[in-house]
């Protein structure tokens, strides 16, 4: 029964019986009959909002899975998005530092473990959800350069007039390790731009960068770009994205319930189609 129908039922009941006749026992019995009939919603204390902070790597999968959890539990899930690391105002560490509400945090495993060390996430609550690879994209319709081998990748990076990379896990790897490994840091880093609080694909779609590098799952949903492919296996950096329960959570059991839902084998097909490797399927 819809909420407004229930309200109308209560109104009719109150009209039909004098208030003095509705003893406490009768009122409880009446409420129980409605509950058995499936007409009374779960008490508010059991259906409080769940607050989630998630980084970009898992966002596409999370956005598809969240409505199913809400339908099956009757809970509302409120979400804040941000990078796994860094000091941008909307990064997850910055949000937690401001004591924004959080029950579940989903981000790169090294960053999650750092939050455990800082006392922001409950130790032992970490659950690995997916493996995520790094890929490249160009503006829609632009020629797709060759990145199929390490040598081809080097040539492409040297030839690109501008390159955008994220301020999170994939970008940290790019600016601190990948360019050094390829031996082209001095030539390529000056024309590379670190993107804060925005998807790399969005920057490429606008034409503000000729080439963009980010987690594959963050590139695929962006309109206006063409995905080229992943980094060659020899220089690929796979990141595990994990979930944990925030120490400030007001609903830790509900937080764990959501994490189990995201990690269930039934979620694997949805996760896989967003460009991630679900760990629950192993």
C-alpha atoms as a PDB file:
ATOM      1  CA  UNK A   1       0.000   0.000   0.000  1.00  0.00           C
ATOM      2  CA  UNK A   2       1.346   3.426  -0.886  1.00  0.00           C
ATOM      3  CA  UNK A   3       2.221   5.843   1.954  1.00  0.00           C
ATOM      4  CA  UNK A   4      -0.628   8.231   1.118  1.00  0.00           C
ATOM      5  CA  UNK A   5      -3.058   5.269   1.123  1.00  0.00           C
ATOM      6  CA  UNK A   6      -1.780   4.276   4.563  1.00  0.00           C
ATOM      7  CA  UNK A   7      -2.254   7.809   5.817  1.00  0.00           C
ATOM      8  CA  UNK A   8      -5.820   7.794   4.514  1.00  0.00           C
ATOM      9  CA  UNK A   9      -6.461   4.428   6.273  1.00  0.00           C
ATOM     10  CA  UNK A  10      -5.253   5.839   9.577  1.00  0.00           C
ATOM     11  CA  UNK A  11      -7.505   8.890   9.063  1.00  0.00           C
ATOM     12  CA  UNK A  12     -10.564   6.704   8.467  1.00  0.00           C
ATOM     13  CA  UNK A  13      -9.742   4.559  11.512  1.00  0.00           C
ATOM     14  CA  UNK A  14      -9.408   7.608  13.742  1.00  0.00           C
ATOM     15  CA  UNK A  15     -12.760   8.901  12.504  1.00  0.00           C
ATOM     16  CA  UNK A  16     -14.602   5.609  12.937  1.00  0.00           C
ATOM     17  CA  UNK A  17     -13.477   4.946  16.525  1.00  0.00           C
ATOM     18  CA  UNK A  18     -13.406   7.465  19.377  1.00  0.00           C
ATOM     19  CA  UNK A  19      -9.867   8.200  20.564  1.00  0.00           C
ATOM     20  CA  UNK A  20     -10.731   6.886  24.040  1.00  0.00           C
ATOM     21  CA  UNK A  21     -11.654   3.498  22.583  1.00  0.00           C
ATOM     22  CA  UNK A  22      -8.257   3.020  20.964  1.00  0.00           C
ATOM     23  CA  UNK A  23      -6.352   1.479  23.845  1.00  0.00           C
ATOM     24  CA  UNK A  24      -2.629   0.963  23.550  1.00  0.00           C
ATOM     25  CA  UNK A  25      -3.105  -2.768  23.062  1.00  0.00           C
ATOM     26  CA  UNK A  26      -5.643  -2.216  20.288  1.00  0.00           C
ATOM     27  CA  UNK A  27      -3.395   0.284  18.557  1.00  0.00           C
ATOM     28  CA  UNK A  28      -0.463  -2.148  18.642  1.00  0.00           C
ATOM     29  CA  UNK A  29      -2.624  -4.943  17.287  1.00  0.00           C
ATOM     30  CA  UNK A  30      -3.836  -2.694  14.480  1.00  0.00           C
ATOM     31  CA  UNK A  31      -0.254  -1.734  13.563  1.00  0.00           C
ATOM     32  CA  UNK A  32       0.772  -5.394  13.574  1.00  0.00           C
ATOM     33  CA  UNK A  33      -2.037  -6.302  11.179  1.00  0.00           C
ATOM     34  CA  UNK A  34      -0.911  -3.604   8.750  1.00  0.00           C
ATOM     35  CA  UNK A  35       2.676  -4.837   8.958  1.00  0.00           C
ATOM     36  CA  UNK A  36       1.684  -8.418   8.209  1.00  0.00           C
ATOM     37  CA  UNK A  37      -0.248  -7.158   5.220  1.00  0.00           C
ATOM     38  CA  UNK A  38       2.884  -5.466   3.927  1.00  0.00           C
ATOM     39  CA  UNK A  39       1.354  -2.043   4.232  1.00  0.00           C
ATOM     40  CA  UNK A  40       3.639  -0.511   6.860  1.00  0.00           C
ATOM     41  CA  UNK A  41       7.103   0.558   5.806  1.00  0.00           C
ATOM     42  CA  UNK A  42      10.177  -0.322   7.863  1.00  0.00           C
ATOM     43  CA  UNK A  43      10.671   1.980  10.857  1.00  0.00           C
ATOM     44  CA  UNK A  44      12.775   5.061  10.084  1.00  0.00           C
ATOM     45  CA  UNK A  45      15.615   3.898  12.357  1.00  0.00           C
ATOM     46  CA  UNK A  46      16.135   0.896  10.069  1.00  0.00           C
ATOM     47  CA  UNK A  47      15.918   2.810   6.826  1.00  0.00           C
ATOM     48  CA  UNK A  48      18.220   5.748   7.451  1.00  0.00           C
ATOM     49  CA  UNK A  49      20.227   7.131   4.565  1.00  0.00           C
ATOM     50  CA  UNK A  50      23.585   5.546   3.808  1.00  0.00           C
ATOM     51  CA  UNK A  51      26.354   7.963   2.851  1.00  0.00           C
ATOM     52  CA  UNK A  52      28.935   6.776   0.324  1.00  0.00           C
ATOM     53  CA  UNK A  53      32.111   8.413  -0.924  1.00  0.00           C
ATOM     54  CA  UNK A  54      33.466   6.849  -4.102  1.00  0.00           C
ATOM     55  CA  UNK A  55      36.333   7.635  -6.423  1.00  0.00           C
ATOM     56  CA  UNK A  56      36.070   7.691 -10.187  1.00  0.00           C
ATOM     57  CA  UNK A  57      37.405   4.231 -10.930  1.00  0.00           C
ATOM     58  CA  UNK A  58      34.362   2.491  -9.478  1.00  0.00           C
ATOM     59  CA  UNK A  59      31.798   5.211 -10.186  1.00  0.00           C
ATOM     60  CA  UNK A  60      30.224   3.813 -13.375  1.00  0.00           C
ATOM     61  CA  UNK A  61      29.673   0.377 -11.823  1.00  0.00           C
ATOM     62  CA  UNK A  62      28.466   1.859  -8.547  1.00  0.00           C
ATOM     63  CA  UNK A  63      25.936   4.123 -10.284  1.00  0.00           C
ATOM     64  CA  UNK A  64      24.394   1.118 -12.013  1.00  0.00           C
ATOM     65  CA  UNK A  65      24.343  -1.088  -8.918  1.00  0.00           C
ATOM     66  CA  UNK A  66      23.108   1.440  -6.368  1.00  0.00           C
ATOM     67  CA  UNK A  67      19.420   1.580  -7.501  1.00  0.00           C
ATOM     68  CA  UNK A  68      19.066  -2.192  -7.060  1.00  0.00           C
ATOM     69  CA  UNK A  69      20.352  -1.972  -3.506  1.00  0.00           C
ATOM     70  CA  UNK A  70      17.939   0.856  -2.738  1.00  0.00           C
ATOM     71  CA  UNK A  71      15.011  -1.122  -4.158  1.00  0.00           C
ATOM     72  CA  UNK A  72      15.880  -4.298  -2.271  1.00  0.00           C
ATOM     73  CA  UNK A  73      16.493  -2.635   1.099  1.00  0.00           C
ATOM     74  CA  UNK A  74      14.281   0.436   1.059  1.00  0.00           C
ATOM     75  CA  UNK A  75      17.266   2.576   2.027  1.00  0.00           C
ATOM     76  CA  UNK A  76      18.340   5.763   0.295  1.00  0.00           C
ATOM     77  CA  UNK A  77      22.024   5.952  -0.624  1.00  0.00           C
ATOM     78  CA  UNK A  78      23.526   9.431  -0.846  1.00  0.00           C
ATOM     79  CA  UNK A  79      26.774   9.780  -2.748  1.00  0.00           C
ATOM     80  CA  UNK A  80      29.750  12.105  -2.812  1.00  0.00           C
ATOM     81  CA  UNK A  81      32.340  11.716  -5.576  1.00  0.00           C
ATOM     82  CA  UNK A  82      36.043  12.509  -5.405  1.00  0.00           C
ATOM     83  CA  UNK A  83      39.578  11.382  -6.137  1.00  0.00           C
ATOM     84  CA  UNK A  84      41.227   8.622  -4.106  1.00  0.00           C
ATOM     85  CA  UNK A  85      44.098  10.891  -3.166  1.00  0.00           C
ATOM     86  CA  UNK A  86      45.349  14.443  -3.378  1.00  0.00           C
ATOM     87  CA  UNK A  87      44.336  17.671  -1.690  1.00  0.00           C
ATOM     88  CA  UNK A  88      41.631  18.843  -4.093  1.00  0.00           C
ATOM     89  CA  UNK A  89      38.666  20.146  -2.127  1.00  0.00           C
ATOM     90  CA  UNK A  90      36.427  17.320  -3.369  1.00  0.00           C
ATOM     91  CA  UNK A  91      38.915  14.457  -2.945  1.00  0.00           C
ATOM     92  CA  UNK A  92      37.850  11.740  -0.537  1.00  0.00           C
ATOM     93  CA  UNK A  93      40.659  12.490   1.972  1.00  0.00           C
ATOM     94  CA  UNK A  94      39.647  16.168   1.943  1.00  0.00           C
ATOM     95  CA  UNK A  95      35.964  15.336   2.420  1.00  0.00           C
ATOM     96  CA  UNK A  96      36.747  13.071   5.364  1.00  0.00           C
ATOM     97  CA  UNK A  97      39.046  15.739   6.769  1.00  0.00           C
ATOM     98  CA  UNK A  98      36.061  18.116   6.827  1.00  0.00           C
ATOM     99  CA  UNK A  99      34.009  15.433   8.597  1.00  0.00           C
ATOM    100  CA  UNK A 100      31.485  15.118   5.782  1.00  0.00           C
ATOM    101  CA  UNK A 101      29.050  12.253   6.513  1.00  0.00           C
ATOM    102  CA  UNK A 102      30.345   8.868   5.382  1.00  0.00           C
ATOM    103  CA  UNK A 103      29.386   5.269   6.022  1.00  0.00           C
ATOM    104  CA  UNK A 104      31.180   3.619   3.095  1.00  0.00           C
ATOM    105  CA  UNK A 105      34.270   4.794   1.229  1.00  0.00           C
ATOM    106  CA  UNK A 106      35.341   3.260  -2.094  1.00  0.00           C
ATOM    107  CA  UNK A 107      38.751   4.115  -3.511  1.00  0.00           C
ATOM    108  CA  UNK A 108      42.152   2.770  -4.542  1.00  0.00           C
ATOM    109  CA  UNK A 109      43.370   0.199  -2.002  1.00  0.00           C
ATOM    110  CA  UNK A 110      46.613   2.014  -1.078  1.00  0.00           C
ATOM    111  CA  UNK A 111      44.632   5.194  -0.363  1.00  0.00           C
ATOM    112  CA  UNK A 112      42.056   3.215   1.625  1.00  0.00           C
ATOM    113  CA  UNK A 113      44.794   1.644   3.735  1.00  0.00           C
ATOM    114  CA  UNK A 114      46.214   5.124   4.362  1.00  0.00           C
ATOM    115  CA  UNK A 115      42.801   6.184   5.694  1.00  0.00           C
ATOM    116  CA  UNK A 116      42.806   3.149   8.001  1.00  0.00           C
ATOM    117  CA  UNK A 117      46.197   4.253   9.338  1.00  0.00           C
ATOM    118  CA  UNK A 118      44.769   7.736   9.924  1.00  0.00           C
ATOM    119  CA  UNK A 119      41.820   6.340  11.858  1.00  0.00           C
ATOM    120  CA  UNK A 120      39.273   7.392   9.226  1.00  0.00           C
ATOM    121  CA  UNK A 121      38.310   3.838   8.159  1.00  0.00           C
ATOM    122  CA  UNK A 122      37.680   0.830  10.391  1.00  0.00           C
ATOM    123  CA  UNK A 123      40.658  -1.539  10.367  1.00  0.00           C
ATOM    124  CA  UNK A 124      39.732  -4.925   8.905  1.00  0.00           C
ATOM    125  CA  UNK A 125      36.655  -3.597   7.099  1.00  0.00           C
ATOM    126  CA  UNK A 126      38.443  -3.318   3.743  1.00  0.00           C
ATOM    127  CA  UNK A 127      36.977  -5.423   0.905  1.00  0.00           C
ATOM    128  CA  UNK A 128      38.625  -5.555  -2.531  1.00  0.00           C
ATOM    129  CA  UNK A 129      35.984  -5.048  -5.215  1.00  0.00           C
ATOM    130  CA  UNK A 130      37.672  -4.745  -8.626  1.00  0.00           C
ATOM    131  CA  UNK A 131      40.899  -4.532 -10.581  1.00  0.00           C
ATOM    132  CA  UNK A 132      41.207  -1.489 -12.828  1.00  0.00           C
ATOM    133  CA  UNK A 133      43.560  -0.874 -15.763  1.00  0.00           C
ATOM    134  CA  UNK A 134      44.768   2.372 -17.329  1.00  0.00           C
ATOM    135  CA  UNK A 135      43.938   3.370 -20.891  1.00  0.00           C
ATOM    136  CA  UNK A 136      44.098   6.232 -23.396  1.00  0.00           C
ATOM    137  CA  UNK A 137      41.508   8.191 -25.345  1.00  0.00           C
ATOM    138  CA  UNK A 138      41.364  10.899 -28.017  1.00  0.00           C
ATOM    139  CA  UNK A 139      38.671  13.341 -29.040  1.00  0.00           C
ATOM    140  CA  UNK A 140      35.861  11.689 -30.988  1.00  0.00           C
ATOM    141  CA  UNK A 141      36.755  11.372 -34.657  1.00  0.00           C
ATOM    142  CA  UNK A 142      40.453  12.138 -34.172  1.00  0.00           C
ATOM    143  CA  UNK A 143      43.024   9.659 -35.504  1.00  0.00           C
ATOM    144  CA  UNK A 144      43.770   6.899 -33.010  1.00  0.00           C
ATOM    145  CA  UNK A 145      47.518   6.680 -32.407  1.00  0.00           C
ATOM    146  CA  UNK A 146      49.261   3.351 -31.888  1.00  0.00           C
ATOM    147  CA  UNK A 147      49.881   2.405 -28.251  1.00  0.00           C
ATOM    148  CA  UNK A 148      49.987  -1.355 -28.808  1.00  0.00           C
ATOM    149  CA  UNK A 149      53.622  -1.780 -27.855  1.00  0.00           C
ATOM    150  CA  UNK A 150      55.990   0.027 -25.517  1.00  0.00           C
ATOM    151  CA  UNK A 151      57.900   1.537 -28.454  1.00  0.00           C
ATOM    152  CA  UNK A 152      54.665   2.649 -30.123  1.00  0.00           C
ATOM    153  CA  UNK A 153      53.490   4.208 -26.856  1.00  0.00           C
ATOM    154  CA  UNK A 154      56.732   6.170 -26.549  1.00  0.00           C
ATOM    155  CA  UNK A 155      56.381   7.495 -30.085  1.00  0.00           C
ATOM    156  CA  UNK A 156      52.756   8.471 -29.469  1.00  0.00           C
ATOM    157  CA  UNK A 157      53.561  10.345 -26.251  1.00  0.00           C
ATOM    158  CA  UNK A 158      56.470  12.157 -27.872  1.00  0.00           C
ATOM    159  CA  UNK A 159      54.327  13.169 -30.847  1.00  0.00           C
ATOM    160  CA  UNK A 160      51.243  14.266 -28.882  1.00  0.00           C
ATOM    161  CA  UNK A 161      50.939  18.073 -28.616  1.00  0.00           C
ATOM    162  CA  UNK A 162      49.235  17.823 -25.209  1.00  0.00           C
ATOM    163  CA  UNK A 163      48.362  15.098 -22.717  1.00  0.00           C
ATOM    164  CA  UNK A 164      45.868  15.136 -19.851  1.00  0.00           C
ATOM    165  CA  UNK A 165      46.152  12.835 -16.840  1.00  0.00           C
ATOM    166  CA  UNK A 166      44.252  12.499 -13.584  1.00  0.00           C
ATOM    167  CA  UNK A 167      45.168  13.702 -10.114  1.00  0.00           C
ATOM    168  CA  UNK A 168      44.434  10.262  -8.685  1.00  0.00           C
ATOM    169  CA  UNK A 169      45.971   6.776  -8.921  1.00  0.00           C
ATOM    170  CA  UNK A 170      46.500   6.545 -12.695  1.00  0.00           C
ATOM    171  CA  UNK A 171      47.912  10.071 -12.905  1.00  0.00           C
ATOM    172  CA  UNK A 172      50.270   9.513  -9.994  1.00  0.00           C
ATOM    173  CA  UNK A 173      51.664   6.475 -11.766  1.00  0.00           C
ATOM    174  CA  UNK A 174      52.004   8.410 -15.028  1.00  0.00           C
ATOM    175  CA  UNK A 175      53.889  11.383 -13.592  1.00  0.00           C
ATOM    176  CA  UNK A 176      56.067   9.559 -11.061  1.00  0.00           C
ATOM    177  CA  UNK A 177      56.846   6.239 -12.755  1.00  0.00           C
ATOM    178  CA  UNK A 178      55.654   5.669 -16.314  1.00  0.00           C
ATOM    179  CA  UNK A 179      57.464   8.553 -18.008  1.00  0.00           C
ATOM    180  CA  UNK A 180      60.669   7.683 -16.150  1.00  0.00           C
ATOM    181  CA  UNK A 181      60.360   4.038 -17.156  1.00  0.00           C
ATOM    182  CA  UNK A 182      59.915   5.041 -20.794  1.00  0.00           C
ATOM    183  CA  UNK A 183      62.886   7.427 -20.578  1.00  0.00           C
ATOM    184  CA  UNK A 184      60.894  10.386 -21.950  1.00  0.00           C
ATOM    185  CA  UNK A 185      60.061  12.387 -18.819  1.00  0.00           C
ATOM    186  CA  UNK A 186      61.977  15.532 -19.834  1.00  0.00           C
ATOM    187  CA  UNK A 187      60.310  15.709 -23.258  1.00  0.00           C
ATOM    188  CA  UNK A 188      56.759  14.735 -22.295  1.00  0.00           C
ATOM    189  CA  UNK A 189      56.073  16.020 -18.790  1.00  0.00           C
ATOM    190  CA  UNK A 190      56.139  19.735 -19.730  1.00  0.00           C
ATOM    191  CA  UNK A 191      53.260  19.218 -22.174  1.00  0.00           C
ATOM    192  CA  UNK A 192      51.255  17.072 -19.746  1.00  0.00           C
ATOM    193  CA  UNK A 193      48.473  18.584 -17.640  1.00  0.00           C
ATOM    194  CA  UNK A 194      47.271  17.198 -14.304  1.00  0.00           C
ATOM    195  CA  UNK A 195      43.470  17.427 -14.110  1.00  0.00           C
ATOM    196  CA  UNK A 196      41.784  18.263 -10.815  1.00  0.00           C
ATOM    197  CA  UNK A 197      38.098  17.682  -9.990  1.00  0.00           C
ATOM    198  CA  UNK A 198      37.155  16.698 -13.546  1.00  0.00           C
ATOM    199  CA  UNK A 199      37.255  13.625 -15.737  1.00  0.00           C
ATOM    200  CA  UNK A 200      40.195  13.478 -18.124  1.00  0.00           C
ATOM    201  CA  UNK A 201      37.836  12.368 -20.897  1.00  0.00           C
ATOM    202  CA  UNK A 202      35.808  15.541 -20.502  1.00  0.00           C
ATOM    203  CA  UNK A 203      38.951  17.636 -21.022  1.00  0.00           C
ATOM    204  CA  UNK A 204      39.822  15.643 -24.150  1.00  0.00           C
ATOM    205  CA  UNK A 205      36.255  15.899 -25.473  1.00  0.00           C
ATOM    206  CA  UNK A 206      36.465  19.706 -25.228  1.00  0.00           C
ATOM    207  CA  UNK A 207      39.689  19.672 -27.225  1.00  0.00           C
ATOM    208  CA  UNK A 208      41.794  20.977 -24.328  1.00  0.00           C
ATOM    209  CA  UNK A 209      44.140  17.996 -24.640  1.00  0.00           C
ATOM    210  CA  UNK A 210      44.960  15.807 -27.623  1.00  0.00           C
ATOM    211  CA  UNK A 211      45.472  12.648 -25.585  1.00  0.00           C
ATOM    212  CA  UNK A 212      44.047  11.549 -22.261  1.00  0.00           C
ATOM    213  CA  UNK A 213      45.127   8.892 -19.794  1.00  0.00           C
ATOM    214  CA  UNK A 214      42.944   7.548 -16.972  1.00  0.00           C
ATOM    215  CA  UNK A 215      41.370   4.386 -15.601  1.00  0.00           C
ATOM    216  CA  UNK A 216      39.544   2.629 -18.436  1.00  0.00           C
ATOM    217  CA  UNK A 217      36.298   2.625 -16.408  1.00  0.00           C
ATOM    218  CA  UNK A 218      36.497   6.425 -16.141  1.00  0.00           C
ATOM    219  CA  UNK A 219      37.053   6.936 -19.868  1.00  0.00           C
ATOM    220  CA  UNK A 220      34.374   4.635 -21.278  1.00  0.00           C
ATOM    221  CA  UNK A 221      31.294   6.588 -20.057  1.00  0.00           C
ATOM    222  CA  UNK A 222      32.462   9.935 -21.435  1.00  0.00           C
ATOM    223  CA  UNK A 223      30.742  11.186 -24.578  1.00  0.00           C
ATOM    224  CA  UNK A 224      32.771  12.979 -27.188  1.00  0.00           C
ATOM    225  CA  UNK A 225      35.862  10.772 -26.996  1.00  0.00           C
ATOM    226  CA  UNK A 226      37.099   7.589 -28.621  1.00  0.00           C
ATOM    227  CA  UNK A 227      38.757   5.017 -26.395  1.00  0.00           C
ATOM    228  CA  UNK A 228      42.040   3.822 -27.891  1.00  0.00           C
ATOM    229  CA  UNK A 229      42.966   0.943 -25.627  1.00  0.00           C
ATOM    230  CA  UNK A 230      44.920   0.004 -22.497  1.00  0.00           C
ATOM    231  CA  UNK A 231      48.573   0.565 -21.768  1.00  0.00           C
ATOM    232  CA  UNK A 232      50.809  -2.265 -23.007  1.00  0.00           C
ATOM    233  CA  UNK A 233      51.038  -5.088 -20.476  1.00  0.00           C
ATOM    234  CA  UNK A 234      54.737  -4.410 -19.824  1.00  0.00           C
ATOM    235  CA  UNK A 235      53.993  -0.944 -18.437  1.00  0.00           C
ATOM    236  CA  UNK A 236      50.401  -1.393 -17.291  1.00  0.00           C
ATOM    237  CA  UNK A 237      49.580  -0.543 -13.687  1.00  0.00           C
ATOM    238  CA  UNK A 238      46.543  -2.330 -12.327  1.00  0.00           C
ATOM    239  CA  UNK A 239      44.848  -0.675  -9.355  1.00  0.00           C
ATOM    240  CA  UNK A 240      42.604  -2.510  -6.928  1.00  0.00           C
ATOM    241  CA  UNK A 241      39.614  -0.470  -5.815  1.00  0.00           C
ATOM    242  CA  UNK A 242      38.255  -1.406  -2.414  1.00  0.00           C
ATOM    243  CA  UNK A 243      35.506  -0.468   0.014  1.00  0.00           C
ATOM    244  CA  UNK A 244      35.679   0.134   3.745  1.00  0.00           C
ATOM    245  CA  UNK A 245      33.494   1.297   6.608  1.00  0.00           C
ATOM    246  CA  UNK A 246      34.138   4.836   7.836  1.00  0.00           C
ATOM    247  CA  UNK A 247      34.919   5.076  11.543  1.00  0.00           C
ATOM    248  CA  UNK A 248      32.417   7.936  11.791  1.00  0.00           C
ATOM    249  CA  UNK A 249      29.647   5.790  10.293  1.00  0.00           C
ATOM    250  CA  UNK A 250      26.350   6.005  12.141  1.00  0.00           C
ATOM    251  CA  UNK A 251      25.169   2.800  10.434  1.00  0.00           C
ATOM    252  CA  UNK A 252      28.114   0.397  10.250  1.00  0.00           C
ATOM    253  CA  UNK A 253      25.957  -2.707   9.736  1.00  0.00           C
ATOM    254  CA  UNK A 254      24.110  -1.081   6.847  1.00  0.00           C
ATOM    255  CA  UNK A 255      27.489  -0.031   5.437  1.00  0.00           C
ATOM    256  CA  UNK A 256      28.689  -3.633   5.514  1.00  0.00           C
ATOM    257  CA  UNK A 257      25.442  -4.746   3.884  1.00  0.00           C
ATOM    258  CA  UNK A 258      26.051  -2.370   0.981  1.00  0.00           C
ATOM    259  CA  UNK A 259      29.645  -3.542   0.606  1.00  0.00           C
ATOM    260  CA  UNK A 260      28.479  -7.168   0.462  1.00  0.00           C
ATOM    261  CA  UNK A 261      25.966  -6.194  -2.221  1.00  0.00           C
ATOM    262  CA  UNK A 262      28.644  -4.525  -4.352  1.00  0.00           C
ATOM    263  CA  UNK A 263      30.941  -7.530  -3.951  1.00  0.00           C
ATOM    264  CA  UNK A 264      28.349 -10.224  -4.640  1.00  0.00           C
ATOM    265  CA  UNK A 265      28.805 -12.522  -7.667  1.00  0.00           C
ATOM    266  CA  UNK A 266      25.489 -11.212  -9.026  1.00  0.00           C
ATOM    267  CA  UNK A 267      27.088  -7.772  -9.401  1.00  0.00           C
ATOM    268  CA  UNK A 268      29.972  -9.090 -11.520  1.00  0.00           C
ATOM    269  CA  UNK A 269      28.341  -8.751 -14.992  1.00  0.00           C
ATOM    270  CA  UNK A 270      27.415  -5.111 -14.353  1.00  0.00           C
ATOM    271  CA  UNK A 271      30.909  -4.367 -13.077  1.00  0.00           C
ATOM    272  CA  UNK A 272      32.605  -6.090 -16.026  1.00  0.00           C
ATOM    273  CA  UNK A 273      30.728  -4.085 -18.650  1.00  0.00           C
ATOM    274  CA  UNK A 274      32.094  -0.844 -17.187  1.00  0.00           C
ATOM    275  CA  UNK A 275      35.670  -1.864 -17.988  1.00  0.00           C
ATOM    276  CA  UNK A 276      36.591  -3.330 -14.585  1.00  0.00           C
ATOM    277  CA  UNK A 277      37.566  -6.830 -13.511  1.00  0.00           C
ATOM    278  CA  UNK A 278      35.236  -7.913 -10.669  1.00  0.00           C
ATOM    279  CA  UNK A 279      37.071  -9.733  -7.905  1.00  0.00           C
ATOM    280  CA  UNK A 280      33.893 -11.407  -6.658  1.00  0.00           C
ATOM    281  CA  UNK A 281      33.887 -13.564  -9.805  1.00  0.00           C
ATOM    282  CA  UNK A 282      37.200 -15.194  -8.909  1.00  0.00           C
END
